Amino acid sequence: MEKTEINGGNPNLNGNGNHSSGDSKVALNGKSNEMPTFINHAEIAWHERRKEWVGDRSENVQREPKEPILSWTMTYEDLLTAEPFQQPIPLAEMVDFLVDIWHEDGLYD
């Protein structure tokens, strides 16, 4: 089966832009039973780039769960200070904290 690229490449054209002799009748008459195969080069490149960026997941070491930075006794008002936090707070932990506060206040259903 011949493969046709989406960029308009024609497998029936020789280097001069003329139809090759063997396939010209099939190509001109449109009686070919084979459908051209679409190759998505952008998707292939995307997967290769993603693999470079993400890396080999089998090599990733499992991290031990960290202790939460926010104390379970902390209140919303404790967070509303002008002072920076002692250490960065992971987004997931902050979201969990805020959702818990909103549930307690009846703001999140």
PDB file of N, CA and C in Angstrom:
ATOM      1  N   MET A   1       0.847  -1.178   0.000  1.00  0.00           N
ATOM      2  CA  MET A   1       0.000   0.000   0.000  1.00  0.00           C
ATOM      3  C   MET A   1       0.887   1.233   0.000  1.00  0.00           C
ATOM      4  N   GLU A   2       0.622   2.176  -0.858  1.00  0.00           N
ATOM      5  CA  GLU A   2       1.386   3.412  -0.914  1.00  0.00           C
ATOM      6  C   GLU A   2       0.834   4.380   0.113  1.00  0.00           C
ATOM      7  N   LYS A   3       1.691   5.199   0.665  1.00  0.00           N
ATOM      8  CA  LYS A   3       1.266   6.166   1.670  1.00  0.00           C
ATOM      9  C   LYS A   3       1.301   7.556   1.071  1.00  0.00           C
ATOM     10  N   THR A   4       0.246   8.311   1.308  1.00  0.00           N
ATOM     11  CA  THR A   4       0.171   9.674   0.819  1.00  0.00           C
ATOM     12  C   THR A   4       0.192  10.610   2.008  1.00  0.00           C
ATOM     13  N   GLU A   5       1.040  11.585   1.958  1.00  0.00           N
ATOM     14  CA  GLU A   5       1.080  12.568   3.029  1.00  0.00           C
ATOM     15  C   GLU A   5       0.026  13.621   2.784  1.00  0.00           C
ATOM     16  N   ILE A   6      -0.438  14.247   3.853  1.00  0.00           N
ATOM     17  CA  ILE A   6      -1.507  15.234   3.751  1.00  0.00           C
ATOM     18  C   ILE A   6      -1.039  16.518   3.090  1.00  0.00           C
ATOM     19  N   ASN A   7       0.270  16.728   2.994  1.00  0.00           N
ATOM     20  CA  ASN A   7       0.770  17.975   2.426  1.00  0.00           C
ATOM     21  C   ASN A   7       0.653  18.011   0.907  1.00  0.00           C
ATOM     22  N   GLY A   8      -0.042  17.064   0.325  1.00  0.00           N
ATOM     23  CA  GLY A   8      -0.288  17.096  -1.110  1.00  0.00           C
ATOM     24  C   GLY A   8       0.675  16.242  -1.903  1.00  0.00           C
ATOM     25  N   GLY A   9       1.549  15.521  -1.220  1.00  0.00           N
ATOM     26  CA  GLY A   9       2.471  14.651  -1.930  1.00  0.00           C
ATOM     27  C   GLY A   9       1.697  13.587  -2.691  1.00  0.00           C
ATOM     28  N   ASN A  10       2.090  13.300  -3.901  1.00  0.00           N
ATOM     29  CA  ASN A  10       1.404  12.314  -4.720  1.00  0.00           C
ATOM     30  C   ASN A  10       2.376  11.197  -5.034  1.00  0.00           C
ATOM     31  N   PRO A  11       2.090   9.964  -4.602  1.00  0.00           N
ATOM     32  CA  PRO A  11       3.014   8.858  -4.853  1.00  0.00           C
ATOM     33  C   PRO A  11       3.075   8.476  -6.322  1.00  0.00           C
ATOM     34  N   ASN A  12       2.154   8.973  -7.142  1.00  0.00           N
ATOM     35  CA  ASN A  12       2.135   8.637  -8.557  1.00  0.00           C
ATOM     36  C   ASN A  12       2.967   9.592  -9.399  1.00  0.00           C
ATOM     37  N   LEU A  13       3.574  10.603  -8.801  1.00  0.00           N
ATOM     38  CA  LEU A  13       4.389  11.551  -9.552  1.00  0.00           C
ATOM     39  C   LEU A  13       5.851  11.159  -9.445  1.00  0.00           C
ATOM     40  N   ASN A  14       6.563  11.217 -10.572  1.00  0.00           N
ATOM     41  CA  ASN A  14       7.992  10.976 -10.507  1.00  0.00           C
ATOM     42  C   ASN A  14       8.701  12.289 -10.199  1.00  0.00           C
ATOM     43  N   GLY A  15      10.005  12.304 -10.207  1.00  0.00           N
ATOM     44  CA  GLY A  15      10.765  13.492  -9.838  1.00  0.00           C
ATOM     45  C   GLY A  15      10.504  14.695 -10.718  1.00  0.00           C
ATOM     46  N   ASN A  16      10.037  14.504 -11.957  1.00  0.00           N
ATOM     47  CA  ASN A  16       9.789  15.615 -12.877  1.00  0.00           C
ATOM     48  C   ASN A  16       8.384  16.181 -12.753  1.00  0.00           C
ATOM     49  N   GLY A  17       7.568  15.622 -11.874  1.00  0.00           N
ATOM     50  CA  GLY A  17       6.200  16.090 -11.743  1.00  0.00           C
ATOM     51  C   GLY A  17       5.251  15.399 -12.700  1.00  0.00           C
ATOM     52  N   ASN A  18       5.737  14.414 -13.437  1.00  0.00           N
ATOM     53  CA  ASN A  18       4.894  13.662 -14.363  1.00  0.00           C
ATOM     54  C   ASN A  18       4.449  12.372 -13.701  1.00  0.00           C
ATOM     55  N   HIS A  19       3.312  11.848 -14.147  1.00  0.00           N
ATOM     56  CA  HIS A  19       2.845  10.577 -13.610  1.00  0.00           C
ATOM     57  C   HIS A  19       3.784   9.472 -14.037  1.00  0.00           C
ATOM     58  N   SER A  20       4.072   8.554 -13.117  1.00  0.00           N
ATOM     59  CA  SER A  20       4.880   7.402 -13.488  1.00  0.00           C
ATOM     60  C   SER A  20       4.035   6.505 -14.382  1.00  0.00           C
ATOM     61  N   SER A  21       4.672   5.796 -15.279  1.00  0.00           N
ATOM     62  CA  SER A  21       3.943   5.080 -16.325  1.00  0.00           C
ATOM     63  C   SER A  21       3.074   3.955 -15.786  1.00  0.00           C
ATOM     64  N   GLY A  22       3.519   3.233 -14.792  1.00  0.00           N
ATOM     65  CA  GLY A  22       2.776   2.070 -14.324  1.00  0.00           C
ATOM     66  C   GLY A  22       1.483   2.406 -13.607  1.00  0.00           C
ATOM     67  N   ASP A  23       1.459   3.472 -12.872  1.00  0.00           N
ATOM     68  CA  ASP A  23       0.303   3.790 -12.052  1.00  0.00           C
ATOM     69  C   ASP A  23      -0.576   4.882 -12.646  1.00  0.00           C
ATOM     70  N   SER A  24      -0.229   5.420 -13.799  1.00  0.00           N
ATOM     71  CA  SER A  24      -0.956   6.585 -14.304  1.00  0.00           C
ATOM     72  C   SER A  24      -2.404   6.264 -14.623  1.00  0.00           C
ATOM     73  N   LYS A  25      -2.683   5.098 -15.185  1.00  0.00           N
ATOM     74  CA  LYS A  25      -4.064   4.768 -15.531  1.00  0.00           C
ATOM     75  C   LYS A  25      -4.918   4.616 -14.280  1.00  0.00           C
ATOM     76  N   VAL A  26      -4.373   3.984 -13.264  1.00  0.00           N
ATOM     77  CA  VAL A  26      -5.122   3.815 -12.020  1.00  0.00           C
ATOM     78  C   VAL A  26      -5.365   5.165 -11.375  1.00  0.00           C
ATOM     79  N   ALA A  27      -4.354   6.010 -11.353  1.00  0.00           N
ATOM     80  CA  ALA A  27      -4.492   7.313 -10.706  1.00  0.00           C
ATOM     81  C   ALA A  27      -5.440   8.216 -11.479  1.00  0.00           C
ATOM     82  N   LEU A  28      -5.354   8.197 -12.805  1.00  0.00           N
ATOM     83  CA  LEU A  28      -6.196   9.079 -13.603  1.00  0.00           C
ATOM     84  C   LEU A  28      -7.636   8.597 -13.647  1.00  0.00           C
ATOM     85  N   ASN A  29      -7.833   7.296 -13.693  1.00  0.00           N
ATOM     86  CA  ASN A  29      -9.188   6.762 -13.751  1.00  0.00           C
ATOM     87  C   ASN A  29      -9.844   6.729 -12.376  1.00  0.00           C
ATOM     88  N   GLY A  30      -9.054   6.832 -11.322  1.00  0.00           N
ATOM     89  CA  GLY A  30      -9.598   6.824  -9.971  1.00  0.00           C
ATOM     90  C   GLY A  30     -10.161   5.475  -9.574  1.00  0.00           C
ATOM     91  N   LYS A  31      -9.677   4.392 -10.167  1.00  0.00           N
ATOM     92  CA  LYS A  31     -10.222   3.069  -9.886  1.00  0.00           C
ATOM     93  C   LYS A  31      -9.386   2.307  -8.865  1.00  0.00           C
ATOM     94  N   SER A  32      -8.557   2.987  -8.149  1.00  0.00           N
ATOM     95  CA  SER A  32      -7.737   2.320  -7.149  1.00  0.00           C
ATOM     96  C   SER A  32      -8.623   1.907  -5.978  1.00  0.00           C
ATOM     97  N   ASN A  33      -8.500   0.669  -5.548  1.00  0.00           N
ATOM     98  CA  ASN A  33      -9.286   0.172  -4.418  1.00  0.00           C
ATOM     99  C   ASN A  33      -8.658   0.548  -3.087  1.00  0.00           C
ATOM    100  N   GLU A  34      -7.426   1.000  -3.122  1.00  0.00           N
ATOM    101  CA  GLU A  34      -6.723   1.333  -1.891  1.00  0.00           C
ATOM    102  C   GLU A  34      -6.919   2.801  -1.550  1.00  0.00           C
ATOM    103  N   MET A  35      -7.214   3.051  -0.289  1.00  0.00           N
ATOM    104  CA  MET A  35      -7.342   4.425   0.196  1.00  0.00           C
ATOM    105  C   MET A  35      -5.956   4.906   0.615  1.00  0.00           C
ATOM    106  N   PRO A  36      -5.619   6.155   0.335  1.00  0.00           N
ATOM    107  CA  PRO A  36      -4.324   6.662   0.800  1.00  0.00           C
ATOM    108  C   PRO A  36      -4.300   6.692   2.324  1.00  0.00           C
ATOM    109  N   THR A  37      -3.175   6.368   2.897  1.00  0.00           N
ATOM    110  CA  THR A  37      -3.025   6.344   4.345  1.00  0.00           C
ATOM    111  C   THR A  37      -2.580   7.711   4.828  1.00  0.00           C
ATOM    112  N   PHE A  38      -3.299   8.220   5.806  1.00  0.00           N
ATOM    113  CA  PHE A  38      -2.963   9.518   6.391  1.00  0.00           C
ATOM    114  C   PHE A  38      -1.942   9.312   7.499  1.00  0.00           C
ATOM    115  N   ILE A  39      -0.864  10.041   7.444  1.00  0.00           N
ATOM    116  CA  ILE A  39       0.153   9.999   8.489  1.00  0.00           C
ATOM    117  C   ILE A  39       0.173  11.361   9.157  1.00  0.00           C
ATOM    118  N   ASN A  40      -0.148  11.388  10.418  1.00  0.00           N
ATOM    119  CA  ASN A  40      -0.199  12.644  11.159  1.00  0.00           C
ATOM    120  C   ASN A  40       1.192  12.926  11.735  1.00  0.00           C
ATOM    121  N   HIS A  41       1.990  13.645  10.984  1.00  0.00           N
ATOM    122  CA  HIS A  41       3.360  13.940  11.408  1.00  0.00           C
ATOM    123  C   HIS A  41       3.376  14.849  12.633  1.00  0.00           C
ATOM    124  N   ALA A  42       2.405  15.728  12.744  1.00  0.00           N
ATOM    125  CA  ALA A  42       2.350  16.623  13.904  1.00  0.00           C
ATOM    126  C   ALA A  42       2.107  15.832  15.179  1.00  0.00           C
ATOM    127  N   GLU A  43       1.244  14.821  15.114  1.00  0.00           N
ATOM    128  CA  GLU A  43       0.984  14.008  16.300  1.00  0.00           C
ATOM    129  C   GLU A  43       2.223  13.214  16.698  1.00  0.00           C
ATOM    130  N   ILE A  44       2.906  12.672  15.721  1.00  0.00           N
ATOM    131  CA  ILE A  44       4.127  11.917  16.000  1.00  0.00           C
ATOM    132  C   ILE A  44       5.155  12.825  16.667  1.00  0.00           C
ATOM    133  N   ALA A  45       5.328  14.032  16.136  1.00  0.00           N
ATOM    134  CA  ALA A  45       6.274  14.985  16.726  1.00  0.00           C
ATOM    135  C   ALA A  45       5.837  15.373  18.132  1.00  0.00           C
ATOM    136  N   TRP A  46       4.531  15.533  18.338  1.00  0.00           N
ATOM    137  CA  TRP A  46       4.021  15.903  19.662  1.00  0.00           C
ATOM    138  C   TRP A  46       4.359  14.824  20.678  1.00  0.00           C
ATOM    139  N   HIS A  47       4.128  13.548  20.322  1.00  0.00           N
ATOM    140  CA  HIS A  47       4.428  12.447  21.241  1.00  0.00           C
ATOM    141  C   HIS A  47       5.928  12.369  21.535  1.00  0.00           C
ATOM    142  N   GLU A  48       6.758  12.606  20.531  1.00  0.00           N
ATOM    143  CA  GLU A  48       8.208  12.589  20.755  1.00  0.00           C
ATOM    144  C   GLU A  48       8.625  13.710  21.697  1.00  0.00           C
ATOM    145  N   ARG A  49       8.081  14.914  21.474  1.00  0.00           N
ATOM    146  CA  ARG A  49       8.390  16.050  22.349  1.00  0.00           C
ATOM    147  C   ARG A  49       7.921  15.786  23.774  1.00  0.00           C
ATOM    148  N   ARG A  50       6.712  15.232  23.909  1.00  0.00           N
ATOM    149  CA  ARG A  50       6.164  14.952  25.232  1.00  0.00           C
ATOM    150  C   ARG A  50       7.041  13.933  25.961  1.00  0.00           C
ATOM    151  N   LYS A  51       7.497  12.920  25.231  1.00  0.00           N
ATOM    152  CA  LYS A  51       8.355  11.901  25.834  1.00  0.00           C
ATOM    153  C   LYS A  51       9.652  12.524  26.338  1.00  0.00           C
ATOM    154  N   GLU A  52      10.213  13.478  25.559  1.00  0.00           N
ATOM    155  CA  GLU A  52      11.422  14.177  26.001  1.00  0.00           C
ATOM    156  C   GLU A  52      11.141  14.989  27.261  1.00  0.00           C
ATOM    157  N   TRP A  53       9.984  15.641  27.296  1.00  0.00           N
ATOM    158  CA  TRP A  53       9.658  16.517  28.419  1.00  0.00           C
ATOM    159  C   TRP A  53       9.316  15.715  29.671  1.00  0.00           C
ATOM    160  N   VAL A  54       8.489  14.682  29.520  1.00  0.00           N
ATOM    161  CA  VAL A  54       8.045  13.888  30.663  1.00  0.00           C
ATOM    162  C   VAL A  54       9.129  12.915  31.093  1.00  0.00           C
ATOM    163  N   GLY A  55       9.854  12.384  30.133  1.00  0.00           N
ATOM    164  CA  GLY A  55      10.891  11.413  30.440  1.00  0.00           C
ATOM    165  C   GLY A  55      10.311  10.017  30.560  1.00  0.00           C
ATOM    166  N   ASP A  56      11.154   9.099  30.927  1.00  0.00           N
ATOM    167  CA  ASP A  56      10.747   7.708  31.088  1.00  0.00           C
ATOM    168  C   ASP A  56      10.147   7.547  32.470  1.00  0.00           C
ATOM    169  N   ARG A  57       8.872   7.266  32.526  1.00  0.00           N
ATOM    170  CA  ARG A  57       8.182   7.183  33.816  1.00  0.00           C
ATOM    171  C   ARG A  57       8.619   5.974  34.633  1.00  0.00           C
ATOM    172  N   SER A  58       9.194   4.968  34.001  1.00  0.00           N
ATOM    173  CA  SER A  58       9.649   3.805  34.747  1.00  0.00           C
ATOM    174  C   SER A  58      10.856   4.148  35.616  1.00  0.00           C
ATOM    175  N   GLU A  59      11.560   5.232  35.270  1.00  0.00           N
ATOM    176  CA  GLU A  59      12.730   5.639  36.040  1.00  0.00           C
ATOM    177  C   GLU A  59      12.371   6.535  37.223  1.00  0.00           C
ATOM    178  N   ASN A  60      11.135   7.029  37.258  1.00  0.00           N
ATOM    179  CA  ASN A  60      10.740   7.931  38.336  1.00  0.00           C
ATOM    180  C   ASN A  60      10.691   7.193  39.664  1.00  0.00           C
ATOM    181  N   VAL A  61      11.282   7.789  40.653  1.00  0.00           N
ATOM    182  CA  VAL A  61      11.279   7.217  41.984  1.00  0.00           C
ATOM    183  C   VAL A  61      10.006   7.673  42.688  1.00  0.00           C
ATOM    184  N   GLN A  62       9.358   6.736  43.361  1.00  0.00           N
ATOM    185  CA  GLN A  62       8.153   7.092  44.101  1.00  0.00           C
ATOM    186  C   GLN A  62       8.546   7.958  45.295  1.00  0.00           C
ATOM    187  N   ARG A  63       7.904   9.109  45.388  1.00  0.00           N
ATOM    188  CA  ARG A  63       8.184  10.010  46.498  1.00  0.00           C
ATOM    189  C   ARG A  63       7.352   9.619  47.711  1.00  0.00           C
ATOM    190  N   GLU A  64       7.945   9.810  48.862  1.00  0.00           N
ATOM    191  CA  GLU A  64       7.196   9.570  50.086  1.00  0.00           C
ATOM    192  C   GLU A  64       6.260  10.746  50.316  1.00  0.00           C
ATOM    193  N   PRO A  65       5.049  10.473  50.799  1.00  0.00           N
ATOM    194  CA  PRO A  65       4.126  11.584  51.053  1.00  0.00           C
ATOM    195  C   PRO A  65       4.707  12.533  52.097  1.00  0.00           C
ATOM    196  N   LYS A  66       4.562  13.817  51.823  1.00  0.00           N
ATOM    197  CA  LYS A  66       5.074  14.824  52.745  1.00  0.00           C
ATOM    198  C   LYS A  66       4.017  15.166  53.786  1.00  0.00           C
ATOM    199  N   GLU A  67       4.492  15.621  54.900  1.00  0.00           N
ATOM    200  CA  GLU A  67       3.575  16.124  55.919  1.00  0.00           C
ATOM    201  C   GLU A  67       2.949  17.405  55.404  1.00  0.00           C
ATOM    202  N   PRO A  68       1.667  17.625  55.672  1.00  0.00           N
ATOM    203  CA  PRO A  68       1.044  18.871  55.219  1.00  0.00           C
ATOM    204  C   PRO A  68       1.720  20.085  55.846  1.00  0.00           C
ATOM    205  N   ILE A  69       1.804  21.145  55.063  1.00  0.00           N
ATOM    206  CA  ILE A  69       2.407  22.380  55.560  1.00  0.00           C
ATOM    207  C   ILE A  69       1.406  23.148  56.408  1.00  0.00           C
ATOM    208  N   LEU A  70       0.153  23.146  55.959  1.00  0.00           N
ATOM    209  CA  LEU A  70      -0.891  23.838  56.713  1.00  0.00           C
ATOM    210  C   LEU A  70      -1.354  22.955  57.865  1.00  0.00           C
ATOM    211  N   SER A  71      -1.431  23.532  59.028  1.00  0.00           N
ATOM    212  CA  SER A  71      -1.896  22.802  60.199  1.00  0.00           C
ATOM    213  C   SER A  71      -3.408  22.629  60.121  1.00  0.00           C
ATOM    214  N   TRP A  72      -3.910  21.529  60.656  1.00  0.00           N
ATOM    215  CA  TRP A  72      -5.351  21.311  60.639  1.00  0.00           C
ATOM    216  C   TRP A  72      -6.072  22.266  61.583  1.00  0.00           C
ATOM    217  N   THR A  73      -5.321  22.929  62.459  1.00  0.00           N
ATOM    218  CA  THR A  73      -5.933  23.910  63.366  1.00  0.00           C
ATOM    219  C   THR A  73      -5.912  25.319  62.774  1.00  0.00           C
ATOM    220  N   MET A  74      -5.266  25.491  61.637  1.00  0.00           N
ATOM    221  CA  MET A  74      -5.169  26.809  61.015  1.00  0.00           C
ATOM    222  C   MET A  74      -6.542  27.251  60.515  1.00  0.00           C
ATOM    223  N   THR A  75      -6.808  28.526  60.635  1.00  0.00           N
ATOM    224  CA  THR A  75      -8.069  29.083  60.150  1.00  0.00           C
ATOM    225  C   THR A  75      -7.805  29.936  58.916  1.00  0.00           C
ATOM    226  N   TYR A  76      -8.893  30.318  58.275  1.00  0.00           N
ATOM    227  CA  TYR A  76      -8.793  31.165  57.090  1.00  0.00           C
ATOM    228  C   TYR A  76      -8.158  32.497  57.452  1.00  0.00           C
ATOM    229  N   GLU A  77      -8.505  33.023  58.616  1.00  0.00           N
ATOM    230  CA  GLU A  77      -7.954  34.308  59.058  1.00  0.00           C
ATOM    231  C   GLU A  77      -6.444  34.222  59.283  1.00  0.00           C
ATOM    232  N   ASP A  78      -5.961  33.036  59.684  1.00  0.00           N
ATOM    233  CA  ASP A  78      -4.520  32.855  59.879  1.00  0.00           C
ATOM    234  C   ASP A  78      -3.751  33.032  58.561  1.00  0.00           C
ATOM    235  N   LEU A  79      -4.408  32.752  57.453  1.00  0.00           N
ATOM    236  CA  LEU A  79      -3.756  32.883  56.151  1.00  0.00           C
ATOM    237  C   LEU A  79      -3.743  34.317  55.646  1.00  0.00           C
ATOM    238  N   LEU A  80      -4.631  35.150  56.188  1.00  0.00           N
ATOM    239  CA  LEU A  80      -4.785  36.520  55.686  1.00  0.00           C
ATOM    240  C   LEU A  80      -3.843  37.489  56.387  1.00  0.00           C
ATOM    241  N   THR A  81      -2.571  37.236  56.283  1.00  0.00           N
ATOM    242  CA  THR A  81      -1.581  38.150  56.851  1.00  0.00           C
ATOM    243  C   THR A  81      -0.732  38.702  55.719  1.00  0.00           C
ATOM    244  N   ALA A  82      -0.008  39.750  56.010  1.00  0.00           N
ATOM    245  CA  ALA A  82       0.873  40.350  55.011  1.00  0.00           C
ATOM    246  C   ALA A  82       2.220  39.637  54.963  1.00  0.00           C
ATOM    247  N   GLU A  83       2.455  38.745  55.909  1.00  0.00           N
ATOM    248  CA  GLU A  83       3.736  38.035  55.965  1.00  0.00           C
ATOM    249  C   GLU A  83       3.725  36.832  55.016  1.00  0.00           C
ATOM    250  N   PRO A  84       4.853  36.568  54.382  1.00  0.00           N
ATOM    251  CA  PRO A  84       4.914  35.388  53.505  1.00  0.00           C
ATOM    252  C   PRO A  84       4.906  34.101  54.335  1.00  0.00           C
ATOM    253  N   PHE A  85       4.502  33.020  53.714  1.00  0.00           N
ATOM    254  CA  PHE A  85       4.514  31.729  54.390  1.00  0.00           C
ATOM    255  C   PHE A  85       5.956  31.300  54.631  1.00  0.00           C
ATOM    256  N   GLN A  86       6.158  30.469  55.644  1.00  0.00           N
ATOM    257  CA  GLN A  86       7.511  30.016  55.961  1.00  0.00           C
ATOM    258  C   GLN A  86       8.090  29.161  54.837  1.00  0.00           C
ATOM    259  N   GLN A  87       7.238  28.433  54.166  1.00  0.00           N
ATOM    260  CA  GLN A  87       7.667  27.623  53.026  1.00  0.00           C
ATOM    261  C   GLN A  87       6.531  27.567  52.009  1.00  0.00           C
ATOM    262  N   PRO A  88       6.839  27.266  50.763  1.00  0.00           N
ATOM    263  CA  PRO A  88       5.784  27.214  49.745  1.00  0.00           C
ATOM    264  C   PRO A  88       4.724  26.168  50.093  1.00  0.00           C
ATOM    265  N   ILE A  89       3.478  26.484  49.781  1.00  0.00           N
ATOM    266  CA  ILE A  89       2.373  25.565  50.035  1.00  0.00           C
ATOM    267  C   ILE A  89       1.939  24.985  48.691  1.00  0.00           C
ATOM    268  N   PRO A  90       1.941  23.661  48.572  1.00  0.00           N
ATOM    269  CA  PRO A  90       1.512  23.053  47.309  1.00  0.00           C
ATOM    270  C   PRO A  90       0.069  23.440  46.980  1.00  0.00           C
ATOM    271  N   LEU A  91      -0.189  23.632  45.709  1.00  0.00           N
ATOM    272  CA  LEU A  91      -1.510  24.054  45.267  1.00  0.00           C
ATOM    273  C   LEU A  91      -2.594  23.086  45.728  1.00  0.00           C
ATOM    274  N   ALA A  92      -2.354  21.789  45.609  1.00  0.00           N
ATOM    275  CA  ALA A  92      -3.363  20.796  46.000  1.00  0.00           C
ATOM    276  C   ALA A  92      -3.721  20.931  47.476  1.00  0.00           C
ATOM    277  N   GLU A  93      -2.726  21.201  48.301  1.00  0.00           N
ATOM    278  CA  GLU A  93      -2.978  21.363  49.735  1.00  0.00           C
ATOM    279  C   GLU A  93      -3.792  22.624  50.006  1.00  0.00           C
ATOM    280  N   MET A  94      -3.477  23.709  49.312  1.00  0.00           N
ATOM    281  CA  MET A  94      -4.224  24.957  49.494  1.00  0.00           C
ATOM    282  C   MET A  94      -5.669  24.793  49.028  1.00  0.00           C
ATOM    283  N   VAL A  95      -5.864  24.114  47.913  1.00  0.00           N
ATOM    284  CA  VAL A  95      -7.228  23.891  47.410  1.00  0.00           C
ATOM    285  C   VAL A  95      -8.018  23.056  48.405  1.00  0.00           C
ATOM    286  N   ASP A  96      -7.425  21.984  48.927  1.00  0.00           N
ATOM    287  CA  ASP A  96      -8.116  21.162  49.926  1.00  0.00           C
ATOM    288  C   ASP A  96      -8.496  21.987  51.145  1.00  0.00           C
ATOM    289  N   PHE A  97      -7.584  22.830  51.588  1.00  0.00           N
ATOM    290  CA  PHE A  97      -7.840  23.679  52.751  1.00  0.00           C
ATOM    291  C   PHE A  97      -9.020  24.607  52.484  1.00  0.00           C
ATOM    292  N   LEU A  98      -9.004  25.286  51.343  1.00  0.00           N
ATOM    293  CA  LEU A  98     -10.072  26.232  51.024  1.00  0.00           C
ATOM    294  C   LEU A  98     -11.418  25.533  50.849  1.00  0.00           C
ATOM    295  N   VAL A  99     -11.429  24.370  50.213  1.00  0.00           N
ATOM    296  CA  VAL A  99     -12.688  23.633  50.043  1.00  0.00           C
ATOM    297  C   VAL A  99     -13.246  23.232  51.401  1.00  0.00           C
ATOM    298  N   ASP A 100     -12.378  22.782  52.307  1.00  0.00           N
ATOM    299  CA  ASP A 100     -12.840  22.438  53.663  1.00  0.00           C
ATOM    300  C   ASP A 100     -13.454  23.646  54.354  1.00  0.00           C
ATOM    301  N   ILE A 101     -12.799  24.799  54.247  1.00  0.00           N
ATOM    302  CA  ILE A 101     -13.322  26.030  54.864  1.00  0.00           C
ATOM    303  C   ILE A 101     -14.666  26.392  54.241  1.00  0.00           C
ATOM    304  N   TRP A 102     -14.749  26.307  52.927  1.00  0.00           N
ATOM    305  CA  TRP A 102     -15.993  26.667  52.240  1.00  0.00           C
ATOM    306  C   TRP A 102     -17.124  25.707  52.610  1.00  0.00           C
ATOM    307  N   HIS A 103     -16.801  24.425  52.802  1.00  0.00           N
ATOM    308  CA  HIS A 103     -17.829  23.472  53.241  1.00  0.00           C
ATOM    309  C   HIS A 103     -18.342  23.850  54.629  1.00  0.00           C
ATOM    310  N   GLU A 104     -17.424  24.179  55.517  1.00  0.00           N
ATOM    311  CA  GLU A 104     -17.814  24.562  56.884  1.00  0.00           C
ATOM    312  C   GLU A 104     -18.710  25.798  56.879  1.00  0.00           C
ATOM    313  N   ASP A 105     -18.425  26.735  55.992  1.00  0.00           N
ATOM    314  CA  ASP A 105     -19.200  27.977  55.926  1.00  0.00           C
ATOM    315  C   ASP A 105     -20.444  27.845  55.049  1.00  0.00           C
ATOM    316  N   GLY A 106     -20.657  26.681  54.444  1.00  0.00           N
ATOM    317  CA  GLY A 106     -21.823  26.478  53.594  1.00  0.00           C
ATOM    318  C   GLY A 106     -21.726  27.178  52.252  1.00  0.00           C
ATOM    319  N   LEU A 107     -20.509  27.495  51.823  1.00  0.00           N
ATOM    320  CA  LEU A 107     -20.328  28.211  50.560  1.00  0.00           C
ATOM    321  C   LEU A 107     -20.053  27.282  49.381  1.00  0.00           C
ATOM    322  N   TYR A 108     -19.813  26.021  49.657  1.00  0.00           N
ATOM    323  CA  TYR A 108     -19.416  25.091  48.598  1.00  0.00           C
ATOM    324  C   TYR A 108     -20.307  23.862  48.673  1.00  0.00           C
ATOM    325  N   ASP A 109     -21.095  23.654  47.644  1.00  0.00           N
ATOM    326  CA  ASP A 109     -21.986  22.477  47.639  1.00  0.00           C
ATOM    327  C   ASP A 109     -21.665  21.566  46.511  1.00  0.00           C
TER     328      ASP A 109
END
